[in-house]
Amino acid sequence: MKVFVTGSTGFVGSHIAKALAREGAHLHLLVRQNSNMANLSGMHAPPSFATYTGDLLNPESLRPGIRGCDYVFHVAADYRLWVRDPKQMYAVNVDGTRELLRICREEGVKRVVYTSSVATMGFKKDGTIVDENTPVSLADMVGHYKRSKFLAEQEALKAAYDGQEVMVLNPTTPIGAGDIKPTPTGRIIVDFLKRKFPAYMDTGLNLVDVEEVAQAHIAAMTRGTPGERYILGGENLTLKQILDKMSAITGLPSPTAKVPHIVALIFAFFDENITGRILGKQPRATVEAVRMGNKKMFASSAKAVRELGFKQVPVYQALRAAIDWFRANGYAP
């Protein structure tokens, strides 16, 4: 079994690659010239895997890695909640996905598993638990990341409608070891560990163990229905509950002050424009993130449990693994 994996050096992609390796798959791993390979340490050298240098901005560079593969896992994405020029984000997430699917058709790939995001779901302000059937449209997407992922997902679903075997998996908020970038959620953990989290907003997330997300991808090779979406989630938690869990693990104090949404929005506006646009650095808070936080991103994974055999587990161990990993790798004291 030969499998091509994009995003293989990233957080979720590296866990998928390692899970595939444990299943005995021969891996073709897409890397970029400047990829940090640390997340692939511990994996055996060829014939267990071979790396192929390429970029979603240059779709034909993907063809050598895809050629001869039975399955393709498209995990790579431009995941940022603040970007100076959003054109590249759409080029990677939307155009790159469409062209990768085209090459997979041309190369005779059996099935493509596309890693989307729970961000494409139709969340409500009142914390209603949503699922794959909750009505949603492009107009509901807040910010360029959500919009680009929604449009990319539409490309995958269109390909499936036209007869290509494409499945869409929608992880919620994966946590665990190896969040090398780190992701926006990883930055929440790091900021908490650095005691840079003096207050919290009234918002909520669904946290999921990244290891279970990886196992669901393996299951998707042989289970589930092409053209369907599957939410992969763990626990629905308010931000305050997440901070309290981290406090219980670390002994660090959990913030007690709650920031009104409008105050957070004003702070994010100035931080984004001063830190981001004037100083050219990554802002700690963004308008997009605050606007997203106005909705509690609570979701149900019942469909994935039923059709993929997905395991919903408490997130305590994954949260502890993330904290231990960030500390061991110098992200936080």
C-alpha atoms as a PDB file:
ATOM      1  CA  MET A   1       0.000   0.000   0.000  1.00  0.00           C
ATOM      2  CA  LYS A   2       1.493   3.314  -1.121  1.00  0.00           C
ATOM      3  CA  VAL A   3       0.200   6.545   0.384  1.00  0.00           C
ATOM      4  CA  PHE A   4       0.984  10.181  -0.402  1.00  0.00           C
ATOM      5  CA  VAL A   5       0.655  12.648   2.499  1.00  0.00           C
ATOM      6  CA  THR A   6       0.735  16.429   2.196  1.00  0.00           C
ATOM      7  CA  GLY A   7       1.478  18.440   5.325  1.00  0.00           C
ATOM      8  CA  SER A   8       3.475  15.490   6.646  1.00  0.00           C
ATOM      9  CA  THR A   9       5.884  17.624   8.696  1.00  0.00           C
ATOM     10  CA  GLY A  10       3.083  19.550  10.400  1.00  0.00           C
ATOM     11  CA  PHE A  11       1.180  18.836  13.584  1.00  0.00           C
ATOM     12  CA  VAL A  12      -1.734  16.711  12.348  1.00  0.00           C
ATOM     13  CA  GLY A  13       0.036  15.460   9.212  1.00  0.00           C
ATOM     14  CA  SER A  14       3.006  14.024  11.106  1.00  0.00           C
ATOM     15  CA  HIS A  15       0.695  12.075  13.423  1.00  0.00           C
ATOM     16  CA  ILE A  16      -1.116  10.683  10.379  1.00  0.00           C
ATOM     17  CA  ALA A  17       2.198   9.756   8.733  1.00  0.00           C
ATOM     18  CA  LYS A  18       3.369   7.930  11.857  1.00  0.00           C
ATOM     19  CA  ALA A  19       0.045   6.107  12.193  1.00  0.00           C
ATOM     20  CA  LEU A  20       0.292   5.007   8.550  1.00  0.00           C
ATOM     21  CA  ALA A  21       3.863   3.818   9.100  1.00  0.00           C
ATOM     22  CA  ARG A  22       2.685   1.681  12.010  1.00  0.00           C
ATOM     23  CA  GLU A  23       0.158   0.124   9.617  1.00  0.00           C
ATOM     24  CA  GLY A  24       2.999  -0.832   7.272  1.00  0.00           C
ATOM     25  CA  ALA A  25       2.233   1.698   4.545  1.00  0.00           C
ATOM     26  CA  HIS A  26       4.964   2.797   2.142  1.00  0.00           C
ATOM     27  CA  LEU A  27       4.831   6.572   2.460  1.00  0.00           C
ATOM     28  CA  HIS A  28       5.453   9.317  -0.050  1.00  0.00           C
ATOM     29  CA  LEU A  29       5.738  12.442   2.100  1.00  0.00           C
ATOM     30  CA  LEU A  30       5.434  15.919   0.618  1.00  0.00           C
ATOM     31  CA  VAL A  31       7.942  18.382   2.075  1.00  0.00           C
ATOM     32  CA  ARG A  32       8.936  21.890   1.097  1.00  0.00           C
ATOM     33  CA  GLN A  33      12.508  23.066   0.715  1.00  0.00           C
ATOM     34  CA  ASN A  34      12.315  24.883   4.056  1.00  0.00           C
ATOM     35  CA  SER A  35      10.289  22.241   5.959  1.00  0.00           C
ATOM     36  CA  ASN A  36      11.210  21.555   9.568  1.00  0.00           C
ATOM     37  CA  MET A  37      11.628  17.760   9.656  1.00  0.00           C
ATOM     38  CA  ALA A  38      11.675  17.460  13.461  1.00  0.00           C
ATOM     39  CA  ASN A  39       8.176  15.935  13.639  1.00  0.00           C
ATOM     40  CA  LEU A  40       9.309  13.021  11.477  1.00  0.00           C
ATOM     41  CA  SER A  41      12.191  12.105  13.749  1.00  0.00           C
ATOM     42  CA  GLY A  42      11.949   8.529  14.936  1.00  0.00           C
ATOM     43  CA  MET A  43      10.425   7.315  11.698  1.00  0.00           C
ATOM     44  CA  HIS A  44      12.567   4.801   9.868  1.00  0.00           C
ATOM     45  CA  ALA A  45      14.408   5.696   6.672  1.00  0.00           C
ATOM     46  CA  PRO A  46      13.346   4.253   3.289  1.00  0.00           C
ATOM     47  CA  PRO A  47      11.755   1.911   2.364  1.00  0.00           C
ATOM     48  CA  SER A  48       9.352   3.038   5.131  1.00  0.00           C
ATOM     49  CA  PHE A  49       9.036   6.452   3.534  1.00  0.00           C
ATOM     50  CA  ALA A  50      10.436   8.683   0.843  1.00  0.00           C
ATOM     51  CA  THR A  51      10.229  12.472   0.751  1.00  0.00           C
ATOM     52  CA  TYR A  52       9.188  14.469  -2.291  1.00  0.00           C
ATOM     53  CA  THR A  53       9.940  18.177  -2.432  1.00  0.00           C
ATOM     54  CA  GLY A  54       7.032  20.179  -3.772  1.00  0.00           C
ATOM     55  CA  ASP A  55       4.574  22.971  -3.095  1.00  0.00           C
ATOM     56  CA  LEU A  56       0.825  23.401  -3.498  1.00  0.00           C
ATOM     57  CA  LEU A  57       1.589  26.690  -5.251  1.00  0.00           C
ATOM     58  CA  ASN A  58       3.235  24.577  -7.970  1.00  0.00           C
ATOM     59  CA  PRO A  59       0.768  21.700  -8.434  1.00  0.00           C
ATOM     60  CA  GLU A  60       2.830  19.768 -10.990  1.00  0.00           C
ATOM     61  CA  SER A  61       5.555  19.417  -8.356  1.00  0.00           C
ATOM     62  CA  LEU A  62       3.132  17.082  -6.524  1.00  0.00           C
ATOM     63  CA  ARG A  63       2.807  14.600  -9.386  1.00  0.00           C
ATOM     64  CA  PRO A  64       6.011  12.571  -8.767  1.00  0.00           C
ATOM     65  CA  GLY A  65       4.946  11.864  -5.182  1.00  0.00           C
ATOM     66  CA  ILE A  66       1.358  11.012  -6.117  1.00  0.00           C
ATOM     67  CA  ARG A  67       2.323   8.710  -8.997  1.00  0.00           C
ATOM     68  CA  GLY A  68       1.851   5.054  -8.115  1.00  0.00           C
ATOM     69  CA  CYS A  69       0.014   5.740  -4.837  1.00  0.00           C
ATOM     70  CA  ASP A  70      -3.195   3.995  -3.816  1.00  0.00           C
ATOM     71  CA  TYR A  71      -4.346   6.676  -1.388  1.00  0.00           C
ATOM     72  CA  VAL A  72      -3.701  10.378  -0.857  1.00  0.00           C
ATOM     73  CA  PHE A  73      -4.131  12.250   2.421  1.00  0.00           C
ATOM     74  CA  HIS A  74      -4.319  15.983   1.758  1.00  0.00           C
ATOM     75  CA  VAL A  75      -3.565  17.524   5.145  1.00  0.00           C
ATOM     76  CA  ALA A  76      -1.487  20.587   4.200  1.00  0.00           C
ATOM     77  CA  ALA A  77      -3.069  24.021   4.551  1.00  0.00           C
ATOM     78  CA  ASP A  78      -2.144  27.620   5.162  1.00  0.00           C
ATOM     79  CA  TYR A  79      -3.476  27.888   8.729  1.00  0.00           C
ATOM     80  CA  ARG A  80      -3.138  31.423  10.034  1.00  0.00           C
ATOM     81  CA  LEU A  81      -5.687  33.721  11.646  1.00  0.00           C
ATOM     82  CA  TRP A  82      -3.810  36.802  10.508  1.00  0.00           C
ATOM     83  CA  VAL A  83      -2.191  37.286   7.125  1.00  0.00           C
ATOM     84  CA  ARG A  84      -0.978  40.504   5.511  1.00  0.00           C
ATOM     85  CA  ASP A  85      -1.882  39.361   1.990  1.00  0.00           C
ATOM     86  CA  PRO A  86      -4.624  36.695   1.829  1.00  0.00           C
ATOM     87  CA  LYS A  87      -4.103  35.868  -1.877  1.00  0.00           C
ATOM     88  CA  GLN A  88      -1.515  33.182  -1.119  1.00  0.00           C
ATOM     89  CA  MET A  89      -3.815  31.582   1.454  1.00  0.00           C
ATOM     90  CA  TYR A  90      -6.509  31.102  -1.186  1.00  0.00           C
ATOM     91  CA  ALA A  91      -3.926  29.925  -3.727  1.00  0.00           C
ATOM     92  CA  VAL A  92      -2.704  27.203  -1.323  1.00  0.00           C
ATOM     93  CA  ASN A  93      -5.963  26.161   0.302  1.00  0.00           C
ATOM     94  CA  VAL A  94      -8.405  26.431  -2.599  1.00  0.00           C
ATOM     95  CA  ASP A  95      -6.455  26.307  -5.872  1.00  0.00           C
ATOM     96  CA  GLY A  96      -3.935  23.836  -4.449  1.00  0.00           C
ATOM     97  CA  THR A  97      -6.701  21.464  -3.349  1.00  0.00           C
ATOM     98  CA  ARG A  98      -8.483  21.621  -6.701  1.00  0.00           C
ATOM     99  CA  GLU A  99      -5.282  20.926  -8.637  1.00  0.00           C
ATOM    100  CA  LEU A 100      -4.179  18.118  -6.315  1.00  0.00           C
ATOM    101  CA  LEU A 101      -7.542  16.401  -6.869  1.00  0.00           C
ATOM    102  CA  ARG A 102      -7.095  16.754 -10.624  1.00  0.00           C
ATOM    103  CA  ILE A 103      -3.658  15.130 -10.503  1.00  0.00           C
ATOM    104  CA  CYS A 104      -5.022  12.327  -8.316  1.00  0.00           C
ATOM    105  CA  ARG A 105      -7.666  11.593 -10.963  1.00  0.00           C
ATOM    106  CA  GLU A 106      -5.073  11.612 -13.715  1.00  0.00           C
ATOM    107  CA  GLU A 107      -2.773   9.287 -11.749  1.00  0.00           C
ATOM    108  CA  GLY A 108      -5.526   6.795 -10.855  1.00  0.00           C
ATOM    109  CA  VAL A 109      -5.503   7.244  -7.062  1.00  0.00           C
ATOM    110  CA  LYS A 110      -8.173   5.035  -5.437  1.00  0.00           C
ATOM    111  CA  ARG A 111      -9.283   7.421  -2.712  1.00  0.00           C
ATOM    112  CA  VAL A 112      -8.419  10.907  -1.457  1.00  0.00           C
ATOM    113  CA  VAL A 113      -8.986  11.833   2.184  1.00  0.00           C
ATOM    114  CA  TYR A 114      -9.147  15.605   2.505  1.00  0.00           C
ATOM    115  CA  THR A 115      -8.494  17.113   5.926  1.00  0.00           C
ATOM    116  CA  SER A 116     -10.773  20.110   6.222  1.00  0.00           C
ATOM    117  CA  SER A 117     -11.711  21.834   9.485  1.00  0.00           C
ATOM    118  CA  VAL A 118     -14.658  22.094  11.823  1.00  0.00           C
ATOM    119  CA  ALA A 119     -14.396  25.821  11.048  1.00  0.00           C
ATOM    120  CA  THR A 120     -16.515  25.164   7.950  1.00  0.00           C
ATOM    121  CA  MET A 121     -19.551  24.205  10.074  1.00  0.00           C
ATOM    122  CA  GLY A 122     -22.530  26.445  10.833  1.00  0.00           C
ATOM    123  CA  PHE A 123     -21.846  27.479  14.416  1.00  0.00           C
ATOM    124  CA  LYS A 124     -24.273  29.535  16.508  1.00  0.00           C
ATOM    125  CA  LYS A 125     -23.711  32.223  19.125  1.00  0.00           C
ATOM    126  CA  ASP A 126     -25.775  30.358  21.710  1.00  0.00           C
ATOM    127  CA  GLY A 127     -23.477  27.330  21.804  1.00  0.00           C
ATOM    128  CA  THR A 128     -25.836  24.982  19.964  1.00  0.00           C
ATOM    129  CA  ILE A 129     -24.070  21.706  19.216  1.00  0.00           C
ATOM    130  CA  VAL A 130     -23.823  21.478  15.428  1.00  0.00           C
ATOM    131  CA  ASP A 131     -23.245  18.551  13.114  1.00  0.00           C
ATOM    132  CA  GLU A 132     -22.563  17.910   9.425  1.00  0.00           C
ATOM    133  CA  ASN A 133     -26.195  18.675   8.515  1.00  0.00           C
ATOM    134  CA  THR A 134     -26.407  22.088  10.203  1.00  0.00           C
ATOM    135  CA  PRO A 135     -27.150  24.663   7.455  1.00  0.00           C
ATOM    136  CA  VAL A 136     -24.141  26.780   6.520  1.00  0.00           C
ATOM    137  CA  SER A 137     -22.972  28.984   3.655  1.00  0.00           C
ATOM    138  CA  LEU A 138     -19.920  30.987   2.628  1.00  0.00           C
ATOM    139  CA  ALA A 139     -21.539  34.063   4.177  1.00  0.00           C
ATOM    140  CA  ASP A 140     -21.233  32.399   7.601  1.00  0.00           C
ATOM    141  CA  MET A 141     -17.443  32.116   7.319  1.00  0.00           C
ATOM    142  CA  VAL A 142     -15.516  34.653   9.417  1.00  0.00           C
ATOM    143  CA  GLY A 143     -12.129  35.656   7.996  1.00  0.00           C
ATOM    144  CA  HIS A 144      -9.915  34.420   5.197  1.00  0.00           C
ATOM    145  CA  TYR A 145      -8.875  31.134   6.807  1.00  0.00           C
ATOM    146  CA  LYS A 146     -12.447  29.938   7.281  1.00  0.00           C
ATOM    147  CA  ARG A 147     -13.496  31.190   3.855  1.00  0.00           C
ATOM    148  CA  SER A 148     -10.570  29.483   2.122  1.00  0.00           C
ATOM    149  CA  LYS A 149     -11.198  26.179   3.914  1.00  0.00           C
ATOM    150  CA  PHE A 150     -14.906  26.337   3.089  1.00  0.00           C
ATOM    151  CA  LEU A 151     -14.139  26.926  -0.590  1.00  0.00           C
ATOM    152  CA  ALA A 152     -11.515  24.152  -0.597  1.00  0.00           C
ATOM    153  CA  GLU A 153     -14.034  21.785   0.953  1.00  0.00           C
ATOM    154  CA  GLN A 154     -16.487  22.667  -1.808  1.00  0.00           C
ATOM    155  CA  GLU A 155     -13.846  21.659  -4.365  1.00  0.00           C
ATOM    156  CA  ALA A 156     -13.513  18.275  -2.649  1.00  0.00           C
ATOM    157  CA  LEU A 157     -17.268  17.735  -2.506  1.00  0.00           C
ATOM    158  CA  LYS A 158     -17.665  18.756  -6.143  1.00  0.00           C
ATOM    159  CA  ALA A 159     -15.003  16.219  -7.163  1.00  0.00           C
ATOM    160  CA  ALA A 160     -16.855  13.545  -5.187  1.00  0.00           C
ATOM    161  CA  TYR A 161     -20.146  14.520  -6.831  1.00  0.00           C
ATOM    162  CA  ASP A 162     -18.461  14.075 -10.204  1.00  0.00           C
ATOM    163  CA  GLY A 163     -17.460  10.531  -9.280  1.00  0.00           C
ATOM    164  CA  GLN A 164     -14.024  10.798  -7.646  1.00  0.00           C
ATOM    165  CA  GLU A 165     -13.576   8.909  -4.355  1.00  0.00           C
ATOM    166  CA  VAL A 166     -13.035  11.848  -2.010  1.00  0.00           C
ATOM    167  CA  MET A 167     -13.876  11.971   1.687  1.00  0.00           C
ATOM    168  CA  VAL A 168     -13.814  15.059   3.895  1.00  0.00           C
ATOM    169  CA  LEU A 169     -12.730  14.868   7.523  1.00  0.00           C
ATOM    170  CA  ASN A 170     -13.356  17.866   9.797  1.00  0.00           C
ATOM    171  CA  PRO A 171     -11.188  17.787  12.935  1.00  0.00           C
ATOM    172  CA  THR A 172     -12.259  20.201  15.645  1.00  0.00           C
ATOM    173  CA  THR A 173      -9.285  21.552  17.640  1.00  0.00           C
ATOM    174  CA  PRO A 174      -6.520  18.915  17.796  1.00  0.00           C
ATOM    175  CA  ILE A 175      -4.146  18.998  20.763  1.00  0.00           C
ATOM    176  CA  GLY A 176      -1.207  16.842  21.777  1.00  0.00           C
ATOM    177  CA  ALA A 177       2.539  16.558  21.320  1.00  0.00           C
ATOM    178  CA  GLY A 178       4.289  17.902  18.235  1.00  0.00           C
ATOM    179  CA  ASP A 179       2.475  21.213  17.650  1.00  0.00           C
ATOM    180  CA  ILE A 180       5.669  22.554  16.199  1.00  0.00           C
ATOM    181  CA  LYS A 181       4.476  25.843  14.681  1.00  0.00           C
ATOM    182  CA  PRO A 182       2.485  26.147  17.069  1.00  0.00           C
ATOM    183  CA  THR A 183      -1.120  26.406  15.869  1.00  0.00           C
ATOM    184  CA  PRO A 184      -3.367  29.195  17.242  1.00  0.00           C
ATOM    185  CA  THR A 185      -4.663  26.733  19.842  1.00  0.00           C
ATOM    186  CA  GLY A 186      -1.112  25.739  20.723  1.00  0.00           C
ATOM    187  CA  ARG A 187      -0.337  29.409  21.299  1.00  0.00           C
ATOM    188  CA  ILE A 188      -3.151  29.541  23.861  1.00  0.00           C
ATOM    189  CA  ILE A 189      -1.427  26.755  25.787  1.00  0.00           C
ATOM    190  CA  VAL A 190       1.998  28.384  25.467  1.00  0.00           C
ATOM    191  CA  ASP A 191       0.654  31.777  26.591  1.00  0.00           C
ATOM    192  CA  PHE A 192      -0.956  30.133  29.606  1.00  0.00           C
ATOM    193  CA  LEU A 193       2.320  28.418  30.518  1.00  0.00           C
ATOM    194  CA  LYS A 194       4.123  31.759  30.194  1.00  0.00           C
ATOM    195  CA  ARG A 195       1.493  33.406  32.417  1.00  0.00           C
ATOM    196  CA  LYS A 196       0.465  35.712  29.569  1.00  0.00           C
ATOM    197  CA  PHE A 197      -3.221  34.864  29.877  1.00  0.00           C
ATOM    198  CA  PRO A 198      -4.571  37.410  32.403  1.00  0.00           C
ATOM    199  CA  ALA A 199      -8.216  37.160  31.311  1.00  0.00           C
ATOM    200  CA  TYR A 200     -10.547  35.096  29.166  1.00  0.00           C
ATOM    201  CA  MET A 201     -13.460  35.535  26.764  1.00  0.00           C
ATOM    202  CA  ASP A 202     -16.828  33.835  26.970  1.00  0.00           C
ATOM    203  CA  THR A 203     -16.220  31.404  24.129  1.00  0.00           C
ATOM    204  CA  GLY A 204     -15.877  27.689  23.641  1.00  0.00           C
ATOM    205  CA  LEU A 205     -14.068  25.054  21.593  1.00  0.00           C
ATOM    206  CA  ASN A 206     -14.229  21.353  20.979  1.00  0.00           C
ATOM    207  CA  LEU A 207     -10.842  19.826  21.807  1.00  0.00           C
ATOM    208  CA  VAL A 208      -9.777  16.494  20.338  1.00  0.00           C
ATOM    209  CA  ASP A 209      -6.773  14.229  20.854  1.00  0.00           C
ATOM    210  CA  VAL A 210      -4.589  14.472  17.749  1.00  0.00           C
ATOM    211  CA  GLU A 211      -3.809  10.749  18.029  1.00  0.00           C
ATOM    212  CA  GLU A 212      -7.490   9.888  17.622  1.00  0.00           C
ATOM    213  CA  VAL A 213      -7.707  12.256  14.645  1.00  0.00           C
ATOM    214  CA  ALA A 214      -4.838  10.350  13.027  1.00  0.00           C
ATOM    215  CA  GLN A 215      -6.512   6.986  13.634  1.00  0.00           C
ATOM    216  CA  ALA A 216      -9.735   8.258  12.069  1.00  0.00           C
ATOM    217  CA  HIS A 217      -7.779   9.117   8.925  1.00  0.00           C
ATOM    218  CA  ILE A 218      -6.509   5.544   8.752  1.00  0.00           C
ATOM    219  CA  ALA A 219     -10.071   4.239   9.118  1.00  0.00           C
ATOM    220  CA  ALA A 220     -11.228   6.559   6.315  1.00  0.00           C
ATOM    221  CA  MET A 221      -9.162   4.598   3.784  1.00  0.00           C
ATOM    222  CA  THR A 222     -11.605   1.716   3.978  1.00  0.00           C
ATOM    223  CA  ARG A 223     -14.654   3.048   5.839  1.00  0.00           C
ATOM    224  CA  GLY A 224     -17.072   5.895   5.325  1.00  0.00           C
ATOM    225  CA  THR A 225     -18.789   7.248   2.228  1.00  0.00           C
ATOM    226  CA  PRO A 226     -17.140   9.384  -0.479  1.00  0.00           C
ATOM    227  CA  GLY A 227     -18.719  12.804  -0.723  1.00  0.00           C
ATOM    228  CA  GLU A 228     -19.564  12.893   2.988  1.00  0.00           C
ATOM    229  CA  ARG A 229     -18.149  15.090   5.761  1.00  0.00           C
ATOM    230  CA  TYR A 230     -17.168  13.683   9.154  1.00  0.00           C
ATOM    231  CA  ILE A 231     -16.570  15.817  12.257  1.00  0.00           C
ATOM    232  CA  LEU A 232     -13.745  14.483  14.444  1.00  0.00           C
ATOM    233  CA  GLY A 233     -14.186  15.949  17.911  1.00  0.00           C
ATOM    234  CA  GLY A 234     -13.620  15.189  21.566  1.00  0.00           C
ATOM    235  CA  GLU A 235     -14.958  17.392  24.363  1.00  0.00           C
ATOM    236  CA  ASN A 236     -17.003  20.587  24.081  1.00  0.00           C
ATOM    237  CA  LEU A 237     -15.454  23.012  26.582  1.00  0.00           C
ATOM    238  CA  THR A 238     -15.658  26.706  27.335  1.00  0.00           C
ATOM    239  CA  LEU A 239     -12.360  28.578  27.241  1.00  0.00           C
ATOM    240  CA  LYS A 240     -12.597  28.969  31.002  1.00  0.00           C
ATOM    241  CA  GLN A 241     -12.963  25.199  31.429  1.00  0.00           C
ATOM    242  CA  ILE A 242      -9.897  24.636  29.232  1.00  0.00           C
ATOM    243  CA  LEU A 243      -7.860  27.105  31.290  1.00  0.00           C
ATOM    244  CA  ASP A 244      -9.040  25.452  34.510  1.00  0.00           C
ATOM    245  CA  LYS A 245      -7.943  22.042  33.195  1.00  0.00           C
ATOM    246  CA  MET A 246      -4.489  23.442  32.401  1.00  0.00           C
ATOM    247  CA  SER A 247      -4.369  24.960  35.872  1.00  0.00           C
ATOM    248  CA  ALA A 248      -5.141  21.561  37.418  1.00  0.00           C
ATOM    249  CA  ILE A 249      -2.353  19.938  35.380  1.00  0.00           C
ATOM    250  CA  THR A 250       0.308  22.587  35.984  1.00  0.00           C
ATOM    251  CA  GLY A 251      -0.593  24.219  39.285  1.00  0.00           C
ATOM    252  CA  LEU A 252      -0.534  27.613  37.562  1.00  0.00           C
ATOM    253  CA  PRO A 253      -3.427  29.975  38.376  1.00  0.00           C
ATOM    254  CA  SER A 254      -6.354  30.127  35.998  1.00  0.00           C
ATOM    255  CA  PRO A 255      -7.503  33.658  35.100  1.00  0.00           C
ATOM    256  CA  THR A 256     -10.645  34.839  36.851  1.00  0.00           C
ATOM    257  CA  ALA A 257     -11.340  38.055  34.907  1.00  0.00           C
ATOM    258  CA  LYS A 258     -13.701  37.824  31.939  1.00  0.00           C
ATOM    259  CA  VAL A 259     -13.179  40.277  29.083  1.00  0.00           C
ATOM    260  CA  PRO A 260     -16.284  41.602  27.283  1.00  0.00           C
ATOM    261  CA  HIS A 261     -16.310  40.815  23.571  1.00  0.00           C
ATOM    262  CA  ILE A 262     -16.196  44.484  22.539  1.00  0.00           C
ATOM    263  CA  VAL A 263     -13.100  45.132  24.683  1.00  0.00           C
ATOM    264  CA  ALA A 264     -11.320  42.121  23.176  1.00  0.00           C
ATOM    265  CA  LEU A 265     -12.288  43.315  19.696  1.00  0.00           C
ATOM    266  CA  ILE A 266     -10.825  46.797  20.290  1.00  0.00           C
ATOM    267  CA  PHE A 267      -7.592  45.331  21.690  1.00  0.00           C
ATOM    268  CA  ALA A 268      -7.308  42.973  18.717  1.00  0.00           C
ATOM    269  CA  PHE A 269      -7.865  45.816  16.259  1.00  0.00           C
ATOM    270  CA  PHE A 270      -4.975  47.857  17.667  1.00  0.00           C
ATOM    271  CA  ASP A 271      -2.719  44.808  18.160  1.00  0.00           C
ATOM    272  CA  GLU A 272      -3.314  43.661  14.578  1.00  0.00           C
ATOM    273  CA  ASN A 273      -2.610  47.079  13.095  1.00  0.00           C
ATOM    274  CA  ILE A 274       0.308  48.116  15.303  1.00  0.00           C
ATOM    275  CA  THR A 275       2.053  44.773  15.909  1.00  0.00           C
ATOM    276  CA  GLY A 276       1.072  43.226  12.591  1.00  0.00           C
ATOM    277  CA  ARG A 277       0.939  45.918   9.953  1.00  0.00           C
ATOM    278  CA  ILE A 278       3.350  48.495  11.366  1.00  0.00           C
ATOM    279  CA  LEU A 279       5.911  46.324  13.188  1.00  0.00           C
ATOM    280  CA  GLY A 280       5.532  43.333  10.843  1.00  0.00           C
ATOM    281  CA  LYS A 281       5.216  40.805  13.692  1.00  0.00           C
ATOM    282  CA  GLN A 282       2.580  38.172  14.496  1.00  0.00           C
ATOM    283  CA  PRO A 283      -0.091  39.894  16.664  1.00  0.00           C
ATOM    284  CA  ARG A 284      -1.128  38.135  19.861  1.00  0.00           C
ATOM    285  CA  ALA A 285      -4.794  38.882  19.163  1.00  0.00           C
ATOM    286  CA  THR A 286      -6.539  39.279  15.818  1.00  0.00           C
ATOM    287  CA  VAL A 287      -9.928  40.665  14.869  1.00  0.00           C
ATOM    288  CA  GLU A 288     -10.678  37.428  13.031  1.00  0.00           C
ATOM    289  CA  ALA A 289      -9.934  35.287  16.101  1.00  0.00           C
ATOM    290  CA  VAL A 290     -12.088  37.494  18.351  1.00  0.00           C
ATOM    291  CA  ARG A 291     -14.949  37.438  15.858  1.00  0.00           C
ATOM    292  CA  MET A 292     -14.667  33.650  15.645  1.00  0.00           C
ATOM    293  CA  GLY A 293     -14.702  33.531  19.445  1.00  0.00           C
ATOM    294  CA  ASN A 294     -18.102  35.194  19.471  1.00  0.00           C
ATOM    295  CA  LYS A 295     -19.494  31.763  18.596  1.00  0.00           C
ATOM    296  CA  LYS A 296     -19.018  28.668  20.722  1.00  0.00           C
ATOM    297  CA  MET A 297     -17.605  26.025  18.360  1.00  0.00           C
ATOM    298  CA  PHE A 298     -19.407  23.042  19.898  1.00  0.00           C
ATOM    299  CA  ALA A 299     -19.897  20.039  17.636  1.00  0.00           C
ATOM    300  CA  SER A 300     -21.089  16.439  17.562  1.00  0.00           C
ATOM    301  CA  SER A 301     -18.967  13.557  16.235  1.00  0.00           C
ATOM    302  CA  ALA A 302     -21.762  10.986  16.294  1.00  0.00           C
ATOM    303  CA  LYS A 303     -21.552  10.382  12.539  1.00  0.00           C
ATOM    304  CA  ALA A 304     -17.806   9.641  12.641  1.00  0.00           C
ATOM    305  CA  VAL A 305     -18.294   7.360  15.649  1.00  0.00           C
ATOM    306  CA  ARG A 306     -21.030   5.482  13.827  1.00  0.00           C
ATOM    307  CA  GLU A 307     -19.499   5.210  10.343  1.00  0.00           C
ATOM    308  CA  LEU A 308     -15.713   5.394  10.912  1.00  0.00           C
ATOM    309  CA  GLY A 309     -15.426   3.775  14.321  1.00  0.00           C
ATOM    310  CA  PHE A 310     -14.005   7.060  15.638  1.00  0.00           C
ATOM    311  CA  LYS A 311     -13.160   7.046  19.349  1.00  0.00           C
ATOM    312  CA  GLN A 312     -14.174  10.020  21.461  1.00  0.00           C
ATOM    313  CA  VAL A 313     -11.926  10.178  24.493  1.00  0.00           C
ATOM    314  CA  PRO A 314     -11.456  12.725  27.315  1.00  0.00           C
ATOM    315  CA  VAL A 315      -8.877  15.353  26.355  1.00  0.00           C
ATOM    316  CA  TYR A 316      -7.000  15.393  29.674  1.00  0.00           C
ATOM    317  CA  GLN A 317      -4.162  13.145  28.462  1.00  0.00           C
ATOM    318  CA  ALA A 318      -3.799  15.030  25.164  1.00  0.00           C
ATOM    319  CA  LEU A 319      -3.737  18.365  26.998  1.00  0.00           C
ATOM    320  CA  ARG A 320      -1.106  17.045  29.385  1.00  0.00           C
ATOM    321  CA  ALA A 321       0.918  15.686  26.436  1.00  0.00           C
ATOM    322  CA  ALA A 322       0.788  19.108  24.763  1.00  0.00           C
ATOM    323  CA  ILE A 323       1.929  20.887  27.930  1.00  0.00           C
ATOM    324  CA  ASP A 324       4.766  18.420  28.512  1.00  0.00           C
ATOM    325  CA  TRP A 325       5.878  18.691  24.869  1.00  0.00           C
ATOM    326  CA  PHE A 326       5.884  22.501  24.824  1.00  0.00           C
ATOM    327  CA  ARG A 327       7.918  22.570  28.030  1.00  0.00           C
ATOM    328  CA  ALA A 328      10.351  19.870  26.907  1.00  0.00           C
ATOM    329  CA  ASN A 329      10.984  21.680  23.616  1.00  0.00           C
ATOM    330  CA  GLY A 330      11.617  25.116  25.068  1.00  0.00           C
ATOM    331  CA  TYR A 331       8.369  26.859  24.109  1.00  0.00           C
ATOM    332  CA  ALA A 332       7.577  27.615  27.733  1.00  0.00           C
ATOM    333  CA  PRO A 333       9.261  27.304  31.133  1.00  0.00           C
END
